[in-house]
Amino acid sequence: MANRDTPIGFRPAQGIGSQHVYKMFRVDSNNATAVFVGDVLDLDGEGVGPAAADAGVSAAGVCVALFDSEGIPVGHPNSSVSTKHLTASTAGFALTSLAMSGTVYIVQTQTGETPTVDDIGLTSDHIATAGDTVTSTSRHELTHSGGGLQFRIIGKVEQPNNTWAEHVDVYVMFNESAFGVSGEASV
């Protein structure tokens, strides 16, 4: 059976010995792009915002929760933000799993490409596809073509119906980020 095409961005992996460090960052209202849980975030002088593909050394980490400008979870009845994401030009806060060495995430690979076991240890960038505003789901994925250094592939998620093929869910670590993680060898 083929893997399902259901990108939901990056999510912290559990149970494989990784240590996650979280920090709350400000999302400035100058942000021109909506922010979703699962998005790779860029660090700048104003705080964080969604990272363009290949954020490189400006990547802060992955968004794990969003809050309005008063610190209330977005989508909550008392929140000034009715959606479960921060729309463009909306100030708020993003709880971020920092892009630290050893932090592991799960992400789906992009449509049209077929990673193999030989890709373990190689690097690749992410695709910054716009999130789904109906479900408030991130649509960031891992690219497999053209190389890149942003993430290192460390394995396939071992679960039923997840095979080395198009749309495989893989474990990755940041290979380059705002916290000095960097390396070589791309897909």
Protein backbone atom coordinates (compact mmCIF):
# COMPACT_ATOMS: atom_id res chain seq x y z
CA MET A 1 0.00 0.00 0.00
CA ALA A 2 1.32 3.46 -0.89
CA ASN A 3 2.12 6.03 1.79
CA ARG A 4 -0.61 8.64 2.28
CA ASP A 5 0.06 12.23 1.23
CA THR A 6 -0.78 13.94 4.54
CA PRO A 7 1.85 16.54 5.39
CA ILE A 8 1.40 18.08 8.83
CA GLY A 9 4.72 19.85 9.12
CA PHE A 10 7.48 18.96 11.54
CA ARG A 11 6.68 17.48 14.93
CA PRO A 12 8.96 16.58 17.82
CA ALA A 13 9.74 12.87 17.94
CA GLN A 14 9.12 10.92 21.13
CA GLY A 15 10.89 7.97 22.67
CA ILE A 16 14.17 7.89 20.80
CA GLY A 17 16.38 9.57 23.38
CA SER A 18 16.20 13.14 22.11
CA GLN A 19 16.07 16.10 24.45
CA HIS A 20 13.79 18.95 23.37
CA VAL A 21 14.37 22.50 24.57
CA TYR A 22 11.48 24.95 24.19
CA LYS A 23 11.39 28.74 24.13
CA MET A 24 8.55 31.21 23.69
CA PHE A 25 9.24 33.71 20.89
CA ARG A 26 7.29 36.76 19.84
CA VAL A 27 5.64 36.72 16.40
CA ASP A 28 5.58 40.29 15.09
CA SER A 29 2.54 41.74 13.32
CA ASN A 30 4.83 42.64 10.38
CA ASN A 31 4.81 38.96 9.48
CA ALA A 32 3.44 38.61 5.94
CA THR A 33 2.77 34.86 6.23
CA ALA A 34 0.46 32.86 8.49
CA VAL A 35 2.10 30.73 11.20
CA PHE A 36 1.01 27.13 11.87
CA VAL A 37 2.00 24.51 14.44
CA GLY A 38 4.60 22.36 12.66
CA ASP A 39 6.16 25.22 10.68
CA VAL A 40 9.92 25.71 10.64
CA LEU A 41 10.50 29.18 12.13
CA ASP A 42 13.09 31.83 11.28
CA LEU A 43 14.75 33.88 14.00
CA ASP A 44 15.19 37.62 13.45
CA GLY A 45 15.36 40.84 15.46
CA GLU A 46 11.57 40.91 15.87
CA GLY A 47 11.21 37.31 17.09
CA VAL A 48 10.19 34.44 14.80
CA GLY A 49 8.15 33.91 11.67
CA PRO A 50 7.64 31.12 9.13
CA ALA A 51 10.88 30.18 7.45
CA ALA A 52 11.26 30.23 3.71
CA ALA A 53 12.56 27.03 2.15
CA ASP A 54 16.18 26.49 3.15
CA ALA A 55 16.09 28.81 6.15
CA GLY A 56 19.67 27.77 6.83
CA VAL A 57 21.44 29.46 9.70
CA SER A 58 18.45 31.64 10.62
CA ALA A 59 16.24 28.67 11.60
CA ALA A 60 15.13 28.87 15.25
CA GLY A 61 13.26 25.56 15.36
CA VAL A 62 9.74 24.21 14.95
CA CYS A 63 6.49 25.76 16.18
CA VAL A 64 4.73 23.50 18.71
CA ALA A 65 2.02 25.88 20.02
CA LEU A 66 0.62 29.33 19.21
CA PHE A 67 -0.74 32.06 21.47
CA ASP A 68 -2.34 35.45 20.90
CA SER A 69 -0.70 38.71 22.01
CA GLU A 70 -2.09 38.21 25.56
CA GLY A 71 -0.63 34.69 25.87
CA ILE A 72 -3.97 32.88 25.40
CA PRO A 73 -3.87 29.80 23.12
CA VAL A 74 -5.14 30.68 19.64
CA GLY A 75 -8.61 29.33 18.91
CA HIS A 76 -9.56 29.41 22.61
CA PRO A 77 -12.92 31.15 23.27
CA ASN A 78 -11.12 33.91 25.23
CA SER A 79 -8.46 34.45 22.56
CA SER A 80 -8.40 37.46 20.28
CA VAL A 81 -7.46 35.00 17.49
CA SER A 82 -10.40 32.77 16.49
CA THR A 83 -8.35 30.45 14.23
CA LYS A 84 -5.93 27.79 15.49
CA HIS A 85 -3.11 29.49 13.59
CA LEU A 86 -1.79 33.05 13.48
CA THR A 87 -2.97 34.71 10.29
CA ALA A 88 -0.63 37.02 8.37
CA SER A 89 -0.01 40.37 10.08
CA THR A 90 -1.21 39.03 13.46
CA ALA A 91 1.02 39.45 16.50
CA GLY A 92 1.32 36.66 19.02
CA PHE A 93 3.69 34.12 20.48
CA ALA A 94 5.08 30.82 19.23
CA LEU A 95 6.29 28.10 21.59
CA THR A 96 9.24 26.72 19.67
CA SER A 97 11.15 23.45 19.90
CA LEU A 98 14.64 24.84 19.43
CA ALA A 99 16.86 23.64 16.58
CA MET A 100 19.49 22.27 18.94
CA SER A 101 21.93 19.48 18.18
CA GLY A 102 20.35 16.10 18.91
CA THR A 103 16.72 17.27 18.71
CA VAL A 104 14.75 14.88 16.51
CA TYR A 105 11.62 15.61 14.43
CA ILE A 106 9.27 13.62 12.21
CA VAL A 107 8.32 15.01 8.78
CA GLN A 108 6.85 13.69 5.53
CA THR A 109 8.84 13.83 2.30
CA GLN A 110 7.46 15.70 -0.68
CA THR A 111 5.30 14.48 -3.53
CA GLY A 112 7.00 13.06 -6.61
CA GLU A 113 10.19 11.80 -4.97
CA THR A 114 11.12 8.40 -3.58
CA PRO A 115 13.68 8.42 -0.77
CA THR A 116 15.49 5.15 0.01
CA VAL A 117 17.39 3.67 2.93
CA ASP A 118 20.55 5.01 1.24
CA ASP A 119 19.43 8.56 2.16
CA ILE A 120 20.00 7.96 5.88
CA GLY A 121 22.78 10.31 6.96
CA LEU A 122 22.34 12.66 4.02
CA THR A 123 20.97 16.19 4.21
CA SER A 124 18.09 18.05 2.61
CA ASP A 125 16.04 21.25 2.94
CA HIS A 126 12.39 21.78 3.80
CA ILE A 127 9.59 23.03 1.55
CA ALA A 128 7.73 25.98 3.04
CA THR A 129 4.29 25.26 1.60
CA ALA A 130 1.48 27.47 2.92
CA GLY A 131 -0.51 25.88 5.73
CA ASP A 132 -4.08 24.65 5.45
CA THR A 133 -6.27 27.46 6.82
CA VAL A 134 -9.33 25.19 7.12
CA THR A 135 -7.66 22.61 9.40
CA SER A 136 -4.94 24.98 10.72
CA THR A 137 -2.36 22.37 9.75
CA SER A 138 1.20 23.06 8.63
CA ARG A 139 2.06 21.73 5.19
CA HIS A 140 5.86 21.97 5.48
CA GLU A 141 7.60 18.91 4.04
CA LEU A 142 11.13 17.67 3.45
CA THR A 143 12.39 18.08 -0.10
CA HIS A 144 14.40 15.28 -1.57
CA SER A 145 15.72 16.89 -4.74
CA GLY A 146 18.37 19.52 -5.21
CA GLY A 147 20.26 18.76 -2.03
CA GLY A 148 20.50 21.25 0.77
CA LEU A 149 21.98 21.27 4.23
CA GLN A 150 19.14 22.25 6.54
CA PHE A 151 18.12 18.79 7.89
CA ARG A 152 19.93 15.46 8.25
CA ILE A 153 17.83 12.33 7.63
CA ILE A 154 18.42 9.82 10.42
CA GLY A 155 15.87 7.13 9.59
CA LYS A 156 12.37 6.09 8.63
CA VAL A 157 9.53 6.10 11.14
CA GLU A 158 8.82 2.42 11.74
CA GLN A 159 5.07 2.08 11.57
CA PRO A 160 2.59 0.18 9.41
CA ASN A 161 2.02 1.65 5.95
CA ASN A 162 5.18 3.81 6.03
CA THR A 163 7.62 2.49 3.45
CA TRP A 164 10.66 3.93 1.70
CA ALA A 165 8.66 5.53 -1.10
CA GLU A 166 6.91 8.78 -1.96
CA HIS A 167 5.49 10.53 1.17
CA VAL A 168 7.55 8.50 3.66
CA ASP A 169 7.63 9.85 7.23
CA VAL A 170 11.27 10.22 8.30
CA TYR A 171 13.21 11.24 11.38
CA VAL A 172 15.37 14.32 10.87
CA MET A 173 17.60 16.62 12.91
CA PHE A 174 18.53 20.21 12.12
CA ASN A 175 21.88 20.19 10.38
CA GLU A 176 22.14 24.00 10.23
CA SER A 177 20.33 26.56 12.36
CA ALA A 178 20.63 29.80 14.32
CA PHE A 179 22.28 27.78 17.08
CA GLY A 180 25.37 26.84 15.10
CA VAL A 181 24.49 23.36 13.97
CA SER A 182 25.98 22.86 10.52
CA GLY A 183 27.47 20.16 8.35
CA GLU A 184 27.83 18.75 4.90
CA ALA A 185 26.60 16.00 2.55
CA SER A 186 23.32 16.56 0.77
CA VAL A 187 20.82 14.25 -0.91
